[in-house]
Amino acid sequence: MPGRRSGDRRTSQSRSIVDNFRRGDKIQVFSAGRQLDGNGTFIRAEDGFLVWEDNSGNRNTTSLESISVRRLRKRSC
């Protein structure tokens, strides 16, 4: 399709956002500098999307194109 970017390029660039996350990591997801749905849990990244669960137990699929993700540090005992 003319004028459309390559899906592979977009996925590889945006995937680097979550390369160091593991399933179960506690995260915060931001879009345009605003936090989305509070804190949540990282599930996976696939096909240019972040799959994560918010604290209400809802599974979310968010495009990696315009988000930032921050891992929440675990507290020491």
PDB file of N, CA and C in Angstrom:
ATOM      1  N   MET A   1       0.830  -1.166   0.000  1.00  0.00           N
ATOM      2  CA  MET A   1       0.000   0.000   0.000  1.00  0.00           C
ATOM      3  C   MET A   1       0.888   1.247   0.000  1.00  0.00           C
ATOM      4  N   PRO A   2       0.714   2.174  -0.944  1.00  0.00           N
ATOM      5  CA  PRO A   2       1.578   3.348  -1.030  1.00  0.00           C
ATOM      6  C   PRO A   2       1.463   4.226   0.217  1.00  0.00           C
ATOM      7  N   GLY A   3       2.610   4.796   0.610  1.00  0.00           N
ATOM      8  CA  GLY A   3       2.616   5.701   1.744  1.00  0.00           C
ATOM      9  C   GLY A   3       2.549   5.039   3.108  1.00  0.00           C
ATOM     10  N   ARG A   4       2.595   3.734   3.125  1.00  0.00           N
ATOM     11  CA  ARG A   4       2.508   3.015   4.402  1.00  0.00           C
ATOM     12  C   ARG A   4       3.894   2.536   4.812  1.00  0.00           C
ATOM     13  N   ARG A   5       4.215   2.661   6.099  1.00  0.00           N
ATOM     14  CA  ARG A   5       5.514   2.201   6.580  1.00  0.00           C
ATOM     15  C   ARG A   5       5.534   0.688   6.725  1.00  0.00           C
ATOM     16  N   SER A   6       6.715   0.149   6.697  1.00  0.00           N
ATOM     17  CA  SER A   6       6.892  -1.287   6.857  1.00  0.00           C
ATOM     18  C   SER A   6       6.533  -1.717   8.271  1.00  0.00           C
ATOM     19  N   GLY A   7       5.716  -2.729   8.401  1.00  0.00           N
ATOM     20  CA  GLY A   7       5.347  -3.258   9.713  1.00  0.00           C
ATOM     21  C   GLY A   7       6.547  -3.803  10.454  1.00  0.00           C
ATOM     22  N   ASP A   8       7.486  -4.437   9.731  1.00  0.00           N
ATOM     23  CA  ASP A   8       8.670  -4.981  10.382  1.00  0.00           C
ATOM     24  C   ASP A   8       9.508  -3.877  11.003  1.00  0.00           C
ATOM     25  N   ARG A   9       9.685  -2.784  10.287  1.00  0.00           N
ATOM     26  CA  ARG A   9      10.488  -1.684  10.808  1.00  0.00           C
ATOM     27  C   ARG A   9       9.832  -1.090  12.048  1.00  0.00           C
ATOM     28  N   ARG A  10       8.556  -0.830  11.981  1.00  0.00           N
ATOM     29  CA  ARG A  10       7.835  -0.238  13.104  1.00  0.00           C
ATOM     30  C   ARG A  10       7.912  -1.161  14.315  1.00  0.00           C
ATOM     31  N   THR A  11       7.692  -2.436  14.111  1.00  0.00           N
ATOM     32  CA  THR A  11       7.703  -3.393  15.213  1.00  0.00           C
ATOM     33  C   THR A  11       9.081  -3.475  15.845  1.00  0.00           C
ATOM     34  N   SER A  12      10.151  -3.514  15.039  1.00  0.00           N
ATOM     35  CA  SER A  12      11.480  -3.643  15.614  1.00  0.00           C
ATOM     36  C   SER A  12      11.881  -2.386  16.364  1.00  0.00           C
ATOM     37  N   GLN A  13      11.499  -1.197  15.871  1.00  0.00           N
ATOM     38  CA  GLN A  13      11.823   0.039  16.567  1.00  0.00           C
ATOM     39  C   GLN A  13      11.050   0.147  17.867  1.00  0.00           C
ATOM     40  N   SER A  14       9.758  -0.101  17.829  1.00  0.00           N
ATOM     41  CA  SER A  14       8.947   0.061  19.027  1.00  0.00           C
ATOM     42  C   SER A  14       9.170  -1.077  20.011  1.00  0.00           C
ATOM     43  N   ARG A  15       9.539  -2.246  19.519  1.00  0.00           N
ATOM     44  CA  ARG A  15       9.785  -3.375  20.420  1.00  0.00           C
ATOM     45  C   ARG A  15      10.938  -3.090  21.365  1.00  0.00           C
ATOM     46  N   SER A  16      11.908  -2.282  20.942  1.00  0.00           N
ATOM     47  CA  SER A  16      13.038  -1.985  21.814  1.00  0.00           C
ATOM     48  C   SER A  16      12.594  -1.317  23.106  1.00  0.00           C
ATOM     49  N   ILE A  17      11.414  -0.719  23.125  1.00  0.00           N
ATOM     50  CA  ILE A  17      10.873  -0.102  24.336  1.00  0.00           C
ATOM     51  C   ILE A  17      10.742  -1.142  25.440  1.00  0.00           C
ATOM     52  N   VAL A  18      10.381  -2.359  25.108  1.00  0.00           N
ATOM     53  CA  VAL A  18      10.071  -3.377  26.113  1.00  0.00           C
ATOM     54  C   VAL A  18      11.015  -4.577  26.094  1.00  0.00           C
ATOM     55  N   ASP A  19      12.152  -4.460  25.432  1.00  0.00           N
ATOM     56  CA  ASP A  19      13.082  -5.583  25.338  1.00  0.00           C
ATOM     57  C   ASP A  19      13.558  -6.100  26.691  1.00  0.00           C
ATOM     58  N   ASN A  20      13.664  -5.244  27.681  1.00  0.00           N
ATOM     59  CA  ASN A  20      14.208  -5.660  28.972  1.00  0.00           C
ATOM     60  C   ASN A  20      13.146  -5.987  30.010  1.00  0.00           C
ATOM     61  N   PHE A  21      11.917  -6.107  29.574  1.00  0.00           N
ATOM     62  CA  PHE A  21      10.846  -6.451  30.504  1.00  0.00           C
ATOM     63  C   PHE A  21      10.585  -7.948  30.461  1.00  0.00           C
ATOM     64  N   ARG A  22      10.161  -8.480  31.601  1.00  0.00           N
ATOM     65  CA  ARG A  22       9.794  -9.897  31.688  1.00  0.00           C
ATOM     66  C   ARG A  22       8.359 -10.016  32.153  1.00  0.00           C
ATOM     67  N   ARG A  23       7.724 -11.084  31.730  1.00  0.00           N
ATOM     68  CA  ARG A  23       6.342 -11.342  32.152  1.00  0.00           C
ATOM     69  C   ARG A  23       6.253 -11.246  33.670  1.00  0.00           C
ATOM     70  N   GLY A  24       5.274 -10.493  34.144  1.00  0.00           N
ATOM     71  CA  GLY A  24       5.071 -10.341  35.577  1.00  0.00           C
ATOM     72  C   GLY A  24       5.668  -9.078  36.168  1.00  0.00           C
ATOM     73  N   ASP A  25       6.543  -8.378  35.399  1.00  0.00           N
ATOM     74  CA  ASP A  25       7.099  -7.114  35.893  1.00  0.00           C
ATOM     75  C   ASP A  25       5.975  -6.118  36.131  1.00  0.00           C
ATOM     76  N   LYS A  26       6.061  -5.386  37.227  1.00  0.00           N
ATOM     77  CA  LYS A  26       5.113  -4.312  37.514  1.00  0.00           C
ATOM     78  C   LYS A  26       5.539  -3.093  36.709  1.00  0.00           C
ATOM     79  N   ILE A  27       4.578  -2.471  36.010  1.00  0.00           N
ATOM     80  CA  ILE A  27       4.896  -1.379  35.105  1.00  0.00           C
ATOM     81  C   ILE A  27       3.914  -0.215  35.254  1.00  0.00           C
ATOM     82  N   GLN A  28       4.334   0.918  34.701  1.00  0.00           N
ATOM     83  CA  GLN A  28       3.461   2.065  34.480  1.00  0.00           C
ATOM     84  C   GLN A  28       3.533   2.349  32.985  1.00  0.00           C
ATOM     85  N   VAL A  29       2.392   2.624  32.368  1.00  0.00           N
ATOM     86  CA  VAL A  29       2.323   2.883  30.933  1.00  0.00           C
ATOM     87  C   VAL A  29       1.889   4.327  30.726  1.00  0.00           C
ATOM     88  N   PHE A  30       2.635   5.042  29.887  1.00  0.00           N
ATOM     89  CA  PHE A  30       2.368   6.450  29.612  1.00  0.00           C
ATOM     90  C   PHE A  30       2.152   6.659  28.128  1.00  0.00           C
ATOM     91  N   SER A  31       1.219   7.515  27.778  1.00  0.00           N
ATOM     92  CA  SER A  31       0.993   7.936  26.400  1.00  0.00           C
ATOM     93  C   SER A  31       0.852   9.446  26.408  1.00  0.00           C
ATOM     94  N   ALA A  32       1.632  10.123  25.569  1.00  0.00           N
ATOM     95  CA  ALA A  32       1.639  11.587  25.511  1.00  0.00           C
ATOM     96  C   ALA A  32       1.895  12.184  26.901  1.00  0.00           C
ATOM     97  N   GLY A  33       2.750  11.524  27.689  1.00  0.00           N
ATOM     98  CA  GLY A  33       3.118  12.011  29.005  1.00  0.00           C
ATOM     99  C   GLY A  33       2.094  11.764  30.096  1.00  0.00           C
ATOM    100  N   ARG A  34       0.987  11.124  29.755  1.00  0.00           N
ATOM    101  CA  ARG A  34      -0.060  10.849  30.747  1.00  0.00           C
ATOM    102  C   ARG A  34      -0.096   9.363  31.060  1.00  0.00           C
ATOM    103  N   GLN A  35      -0.230   9.037  32.335  1.00  0.00           N
ATOM    104  CA  GLN A  35      -0.267   7.639  32.755  1.00  0.00           C
ATOM    105  C   GLN A  35      -1.607   7.016  32.380  1.00  0.00           C
ATOM    106  N   LEU A  36      -1.558   5.817  31.834  1.00  0.00           N
ATOM    107  CA  LEU A  36      -2.766   5.083  31.449  1.00  0.00           C
ATOM    108  C   LEU A  36      -3.166   4.099  32.545  1.00  0.00           C
ATOM    109  N   ASP A  37      -4.385   4.147  32.998  1.00  0.00           N
ATOM    110  CA  ASP A  37      -4.972   3.135  33.886  1.00  0.00           C
ATOM    111  C   ASP A  37      -4.112   2.743  35.087  1.00  0.00           C
ATOM    112  N   GLY A  38      -3.330   3.647  35.607  1.00  0.00           N
ATOM    113  CA  GLY A  38      -2.534   3.336  36.796  1.00  0.00           C
ATOM    114  C   GLY A  38      -1.427   2.342  36.518  1.00  0.00           C
ATOM    115  N   ASN A  39      -1.064   1.598  37.515  1.00  0.00           N
ATOM    116  CA  ASN A  39       0.002   0.607  37.389  1.00  0.00           C
ATOM    117  C   ASN A  39      -0.572  -0.697  36.859  1.00  0.00           C
ATOM    118  N   GLY A  40       0.321  -1.540  36.343  1.00  0.00           N
ATOM    119  CA  GLY A  40      -0.129  -2.816  35.827  1.00  0.00           C
ATOM    120  C   GLY A  40       0.985  -3.840  35.805  1.00  0.00           C
ATOM    121  N   THR A  41       0.745  -4.918  35.082  1.00  0.00           N
ATOM    122  CA  THR A  41       1.682  -6.025  34.983  1.00  0.00           C
ATOM    123  C   THR A  41       1.969  -6.320  33.519  1.00  0.00           C
ATOM    124  N   PHE A  42       3.267  -6.387  33.179  1.00  0.00           N
ATOM    125  CA  PHE A  42       3.700  -6.704  31.824  1.00  0.00           C
ATOM    126  C   PHE A  42       3.366  -8.155  31.508  1.00  0.00           C
ATOM    127  N   ILE A  43       2.768  -8.381  30.333  1.00  0.00           N
ATOM    128  CA  ILE A  43       2.500  -9.744  29.880  1.00  0.00           C
ATOM    129  C   ILE A  43       3.422 -10.091  28.719  1.00  0.00           C
ATOM    130  N   ARG A  44       3.355  -9.297  27.634  1.00  0.00           N
ATOM    131  CA  ARG A  44       4.235  -9.541  26.488  1.00  0.00           C
ATOM    132  C   ARG A  44       4.137  -8.367  25.525  1.00  0.00           C
ATOM    133  N   ALA A  45       5.035  -8.381  24.544  1.00  0.00           N
ATOM    134  CA  ALA A  45       4.962  -7.445  23.423  1.00  0.00           C
ATOM    135  C   ALA A  45       4.935  -8.294  22.163  1.00  0.00           C
ATOM    136  N   GLU A  46       3.986  -8.005  21.285  1.00  0.00           N
ATOM    137  CA  GLU A  46       3.921  -8.756  20.036  1.00  0.00           C
ATOM    138  C   GLU A  46       3.240  -7.928  18.960  1.00  0.00           C
ATOM    139  N   ASP A  47       3.732  -8.054  17.751  1.00  0.00           N
ATOM    140  CA  ASP A  47       3.153  -7.385  16.585  1.00  0.00           C
ATOM    141  C   ASP A  47       2.974  -5.886  16.785  1.00  0.00           C
ATOM    142  N   GLY A  48       3.925  -5.233  17.477  1.00  0.00           N
ATOM    143  CA  GLY A  48       3.868  -3.795  17.666  1.00  0.00           C
ATOM    144  C   GLY A  48       2.959  -3.334  18.781  1.00  0.00           C
ATOM    145  N   PHE A  49       2.522  -4.261  19.639  1.00  0.00           N
ATOM    146  CA  PHE A  49       1.623  -3.913  20.734  1.00  0.00           C
ATOM    147  C   PHE A  49       2.154  -4.430  22.063  1.00  0.00           C
ATOM    148  N   LEU A  50       1.890  -3.672  23.108  1.00  0.00           N
ATOM    149  CA  LEU A  50       2.163  -4.085  24.476  1.00  0.00           C
ATOM    150  C   LEU A  50       0.892  -4.726  25.013  1.00  0.00           C
ATOM    151  N   VAL A  51       1.018  -5.930  25.553  1.00  0.00           N
ATOM    152  CA  VAL A  51      -0.114  -6.599  26.199  1.00  0.00           C
ATOM    153  C   VAL A  51       0.196  -6.569  27.689  1.00  0.00           C
ATOM    154  N   TRP A  52      -0.724  -5.979  28.456  1.00  0.00           N
ATOM    155  CA  TRP A  52      -0.502  -5.820  29.885  1.00  0.00           C
ATOM    156  C   TRP A  52      -1.830  -5.856  30.623  1.00  0.00           C
ATOM    157  N   GLU A  53      -1.744  -6.114  31.920  1.00  0.00           N
ATOM    158  CA  GLU A  53      -2.940  -6.191  32.749  1.00  0.00           C
ATOM    159  C   GLU A  53      -2.905  -5.051  33.760  1.00  0.00           C
ATOM    160  N   ASP A  54      -4.014  -4.303  33.852  1.00  0.00           N
ATOM    161  CA  ASP A  54      -4.057  -3.217  34.834  1.00  0.00           C
ATOM    162  C   ASP A  54      -4.419  -3.779  36.209  1.00  0.00           C
ATOM    163  N   ASN A  55      -4.381  -2.925  37.215  1.00  0.00           N
ATOM    164  CA  ASN A  55      -4.632  -3.375  38.590  1.00  0.00           C
ATOM    165  C   ASN A  55      -6.062  -3.822  38.830  1.00  0.00           C
ATOM    166  N   SER A  56      -6.959  -3.527  37.903  1.00  0.00           N
ATOM    167  CA  SER A  56      -8.350  -3.987  38.019  1.00  0.00           C
ATOM    168  C   SER A  56      -8.537  -5.359  37.390  1.00  0.00           C
ATOM    169  N   GLY A  57      -7.452  -5.921  36.831  1.00  0.00           N
ATOM    170  CA  GLY A  57      -7.520  -7.233  36.217  1.00  0.00           C
ATOM    171  C   GLY A  57      -7.926  -7.212  34.750  1.00  0.00           C
ATOM    172  N   ASN A  58      -8.001  -6.022  34.151  1.00  0.00           N
ATOM    173  CA  ASN A  58      -8.350  -5.909  32.734  1.00  0.00           C
ATOM    174  C   ASN A  58      -7.115  -6.072  31.871  1.00  0.00           C
ATOM    175  N   ARG A  59      -7.218  -6.884  30.835  1.00  0.00           N
ATOM    176  CA  ARG A  59      -6.120  -7.050  29.895  1.00  0.00           C
ATOM    177  C   ARG A  59      -6.207  -5.938  28.856  1.00  0.00           C
ATOM    178  N   ASN A  60      -5.078  -5.255  28.636  1.00  0.00           N
ATOM    179  CA  ASN A  60      -5.007  -4.128  27.711  1.00  0.00           C
ATOM    180  C   ASN A  60      -4.027  -4.427  26.600  1.00  0.00           C
ATOM    181  N   THR A  61      -4.322  -3.942  25.410  1.00  0.00           N
ATOM    182  CA  THR A  61      -3.420  -4.020  24.271  1.00  0.00           C
ATOM    183  C   THR A  61      -3.192  -2.589  23.805  1.00  0.00           C
ATOM    184  N   THR A  62      -1.952  -2.114  23.904  1.00  0.00           N
ATOM    185  CA  THR A  62      -1.624  -0.726  23.618  1.00  0.00           C
ATOM    186  C   THR A  62      -0.531  -0.685  22.568  1.00  0.00           C
ATOM    187  N   SER A  63      -0.717   0.137  21.537  1.00  0.00           N
ATOM    188  CA  SER A  63       0.285   0.275  20.484  1.00  0.00           C
ATOM    189  C   SER A  63       1.591   0.786  21.077  1.00  0.00           C
ATOM    190  N   LEU A  64       2.707   0.201  20.656  1.00  0.00           N
ATOM    191  CA  LEU A  64       4.016   0.626  21.121  1.00  0.00           C
ATOM    192  C   LEU A  64       4.501   1.893  20.416  1.00  0.00           C
ATOM    193  N   GLU A  65       3.769   2.352  19.424  1.00  0.00           N
ATOM    194  CA  GLU A  65       4.181   3.506  18.622  1.00  0.00           C
ATOM    195  C   GLU A  65       4.340   4.785  19.431  1.00  0.00           C
ATOM    196  N   SER A  66       3.472   5.041  20.376  1.00  0.00           N
ATOM    197  CA  SER A  66       3.497   6.354  21.032  1.00  0.00           C
ATOM    198  C   SER A  66       3.407   6.255  22.552  1.00  0.00           C
ATOM    199  N   ILE A  67       4.009   5.220  23.117  1.00  0.00           N
ATOM    200  CA  ILE A  67       3.965   5.068  24.571  1.00  0.00           C
ATOM    201  C   ILE A  67       5.370   4.999  25.148  1.00  0.00           C
ATOM    202  N   SER A  68       5.437   5.180  26.441  1.00  0.00           N
ATOM    203  CA  SER A  68       6.644   4.858  27.186  1.00  0.00           C
ATOM    204  C   SER A  68       6.206   3.987  28.353  1.00  0.00           C
ATOM    205  N   VAL A  69       7.108   3.128  28.767  1.00  0.00           N
ATOM    206  CA  VAL A  69       6.792   2.166  29.826  1.00  0.00           C
ATOM    207  C   VAL A  69       7.891   2.259  30.876  1.00  0.00           C
ATOM    208  N   ARG A  70       7.479   2.310  32.123  1.00  0.00           N
ATOM    209  CA  ARG A  70       8.442   2.365  33.220  1.00  0.00           C
ATOM    210  C   ARG A  70       8.217   1.180  34.138  1.00  0.00           C
ATOM    211  N   ARG A  71       9.291   0.482  34.464  1.00  0.00           N
ATOM    212  CA  ARG A  71       9.216  -0.629  35.409  1.00  0.00           C
ATOM    213  C   ARG A  71       9.219  -0.061  36.819  1.00  0.00           C
ATOM    214  N   LEU A  72       8.363  -0.597  37.644  1.00  0.00           N
ATOM    215  CA  LEU A  72       8.336  -0.184  39.039  1.00  0.00           C
ATOM    216  C   LEU A  72       9.328  -1.055  39.809  1.00  0.00           C
ATOM    217  N   ARG A  73      10.107  -0.448  40.616  1.00  0.00           N
ATOM    218  CA  ARG A  73      11.103  -1.191  41.380  1.00  0.00           C
ATOM    219  C   ARG A  73      10.441  -1.964  42.503  1.00  0.00           C
ATOM    220  N   LYS A  74      10.993  -3.135  42.749  1.00  0.00           N
ATOM    221  CA  LYS A  74      10.514  -3.930  43.872  1.00  0.00           C
ATOM    222  C   LYS A  74      11.067  -3.355  45.155  1.00  0.00           C
ATOM    223  N   ARG A  75      10.254  -3.357  46.183  1.00  0.00           N
ATOM    224  CA  ARG A  75      10.698  -2.853  47.477  1.00  0.00           C
ATOM    225  C   ARG A  75      11.518  -3.908  48.199  1.00  0.00           C
ATOM    226  N   SER A  76      12.529  -3.456  48.881  1.00  0.00           N
ATOM    227  CA  SER A  76      13.354  -4.359  49.689  1.00  0.00           C
ATOM    228  C   SER A  76      12.609  -4.715  50.963  1.00  0.00           C
ATOM    229  N   CYS A  77      12.799  -5.942  51.439  1.00  0.00           N
ATOM    230  CA  CYS A  77      12.142  -6.377  52.675  1.00  0.00           C
ATOM    231  C   CYS A  77      12.859  -5.885  53.888  1.00  0.00           C
TER     232      CYS A  77
END
